[in-house]
Amino acid sequence: MSRELPDIIKEVGFDFSWDERKVWELNVPTEDMSIDELTWHFDIPFIWSKPDGYYDVKPMRLLTIPNNIQKHTNEQCDRIQHIQLTSCFGNSAGLF
């Protein structure tokens, strides 16, 4: 399997490494926005399906057919299914 980032990830500007903990520690203002402005993220392959995979699963797939995803990916599926959207968008610490 190719280890190169998919072109779509490069095109949307996520072609860098980042530390989730450091992102949540940033002291920046939050902004309210419609979920409709963010749902396009669900169609970008940000997740891998197996240890040797590389960005081959779109989050929408986890939301629509989680039983077909391998066990180690189910943890990510569980995180996605239990997200409280109001928490993720500025009201308190979220899961992203």
Protein backbone atom coordinates (compact mmCIF):
# COMPACT_ATOMS: atom_id res chain seq x y z
CA MET A 1 0.00 0.00 0.00
CA SER A 2 1.26 3.49 -0.80
CA ARG A 3 2.64 5.48 2.16
CA GLU A 4 2.13 8.79 0.38
CA LEU A 5 -0.58 11.09 1.66
CA PRO A 6 -3.68 11.08 -0.53
CA ASP A 7 -3.86 14.17 -2.73
CA ILE A 8 -7.15 15.26 -1.13
CA ILE A 9 -5.48 15.51 2.29
CA LYS A 10 -2.78 17.71 0.78
CA GLU A 11 -5.38 19.83 -1.03
CA VAL A 12 -7.38 20.58 2.13
CA GLY A 13 -4.25 21.52 4.08
CA PHE A 14 -3.89 18.62 6.53
CA ASP A 15 -0.51 17.49 5.22
CA PHE A 16 1.40 18.06 8.46
CA SER A 17 1.91 16.29 11.78
CA TRP A 18 0.32 17.77 14.89
CA ASP A 19 -0.04 16.90 18.54
CA GLU A 20 -3.68 16.79 19.65
CA ARG A 21 -2.79 17.75 23.23
CA LYS A 22 -0.95 20.86 22.07
CA VAL A 23 -3.89 21.90 19.89
CA TRP A 24 -6.26 21.78 22.88
CA GLU A 25 -3.77 23.80 24.97
CA LEU A 26 -3.85 26.71 22.50
CA ASN A 27 -5.40 29.85 23.91
CA VAL A 28 -7.40 30.97 20.90
CA PRO A 29 -10.98 32.19 20.64
CA THR A 30 -13.65 29.76 19.55
CA GLU A 31 -16.13 30.40 16.80
CA ASP A 32 -19.67 29.12 16.39
CA MET A 33 -20.42 27.64 13.00
CA SER A 34 -22.98 25.40 11.42
CA ILE A 35 -22.16 21.70 11.32
CA ASP A 36 -23.03 21.93 7.62
CA GLU A 37 -19.75 23.83 7.13
CA LEU A 38 -17.78 20.92 8.59
CA THR A 39 -19.42 17.75 7.28
CA TRP A 40 -17.12 17.67 4.24
CA HIS A 41 -14.45 16.35 6.65
CA PHE A 42 -16.43 13.09 6.84
CA ASP A 43 -15.62 12.40 3.17
CA ILE A 44 -11.84 12.74 3.50
CA PRO A 45 -9.85 9.54 4.25
CA PHE A 46 -8.31 10.65 7.57
CA ILE A 47 -8.30 7.15 9.14
CA TRP A 48 -6.48 3.89 8.37
CA SER A 49 -8.18 0.50 8.60
CA LYS A 50 -5.22 -1.68 9.55
CA PRO A 51 -1.78 -1.22 11.08
CA ASP A 52 -0.09 -1.19 7.69
CA GLY A 53 -2.84 0.90 6.08
CA TYR A 54 -2.45 4.56 5.34
CA TYR A 55 -5.40 6.92 5.24
CA ASP A 56 -7.79 4.53 3.52
CA VAL A 57 -11.01 5.05 5.52
CA LYS A 58 -13.35 8.02 5.40
CA PRO A 59 -15.08 8.89 8.70
CA MET A 60 -18.44 8.66 6.92
CA ARG A 61 -17.74 4.96 6.41
CA LEU A 62 -17.37 4.53 10.17
CA LEU A 63 -20.65 6.32 10.74
CA THR A 64 -22.58 4.28 8.19
CA ILE A 65 -21.10 0.76 8.35
CA PRO A 66 -19.09 0.40 11.57
CA ASN A 67 -19.56 -3.38 11.75
CA ASN A 68 -17.41 -3.81 8.64
CA ILE A 69 -14.42 -2.01 10.16
CA GLN A 70 -11.70 -4.08 11.81
CA LYS A 71 -11.51 -4.27 15.62
CA HIS A 72 -8.63 -1.85 16.17
CA THR A 73 -10.46 0.77 14.11
CA ASN A 74 -13.61 0.31 16.19
CA GLU A 75 -12.04 2.47 18.91
CA GLN A 76 -12.02 5.38 16.46
CA CYS A 77 -15.57 4.49 15.43
CA ASP A 78 -16.67 4.56 19.08
CA ARG A 79 -15.06 7.98 19.53
CA ILE A 80 -16.88 9.34 16.50
CA GLN A 81 -20.25 7.89 17.52
CA HIS A 82 -20.03 9.30 21.05
CA ILE A 83 -19.02 12.83 20.15
CA GLN A 84 -21.13 15.59 21.63
CA LEU A 85 -20.90 18.16 18.88
CA THR A 86 -21.51 21.09 21.19
CA SER A 87 -18.48 20.00 23.21
CA CYS A 88 -16.26 19.81 20.16
CA PHE A 89 -16.99 23.29 18.97
CA GLY A 90 -15.88 25.48 21.80
CA ASN A 91 -18.17 24.94 24.78
CA SER A 92 -15.86 22.45 26.51
CA ALA A 93 -13.05 20.03 25.71
CA GLY A 94 -13.98 17.78 22.80
CA LEU A 95 -12.65 14.62 21.31
CA PHE A 96 -10.84 16.00 18.26
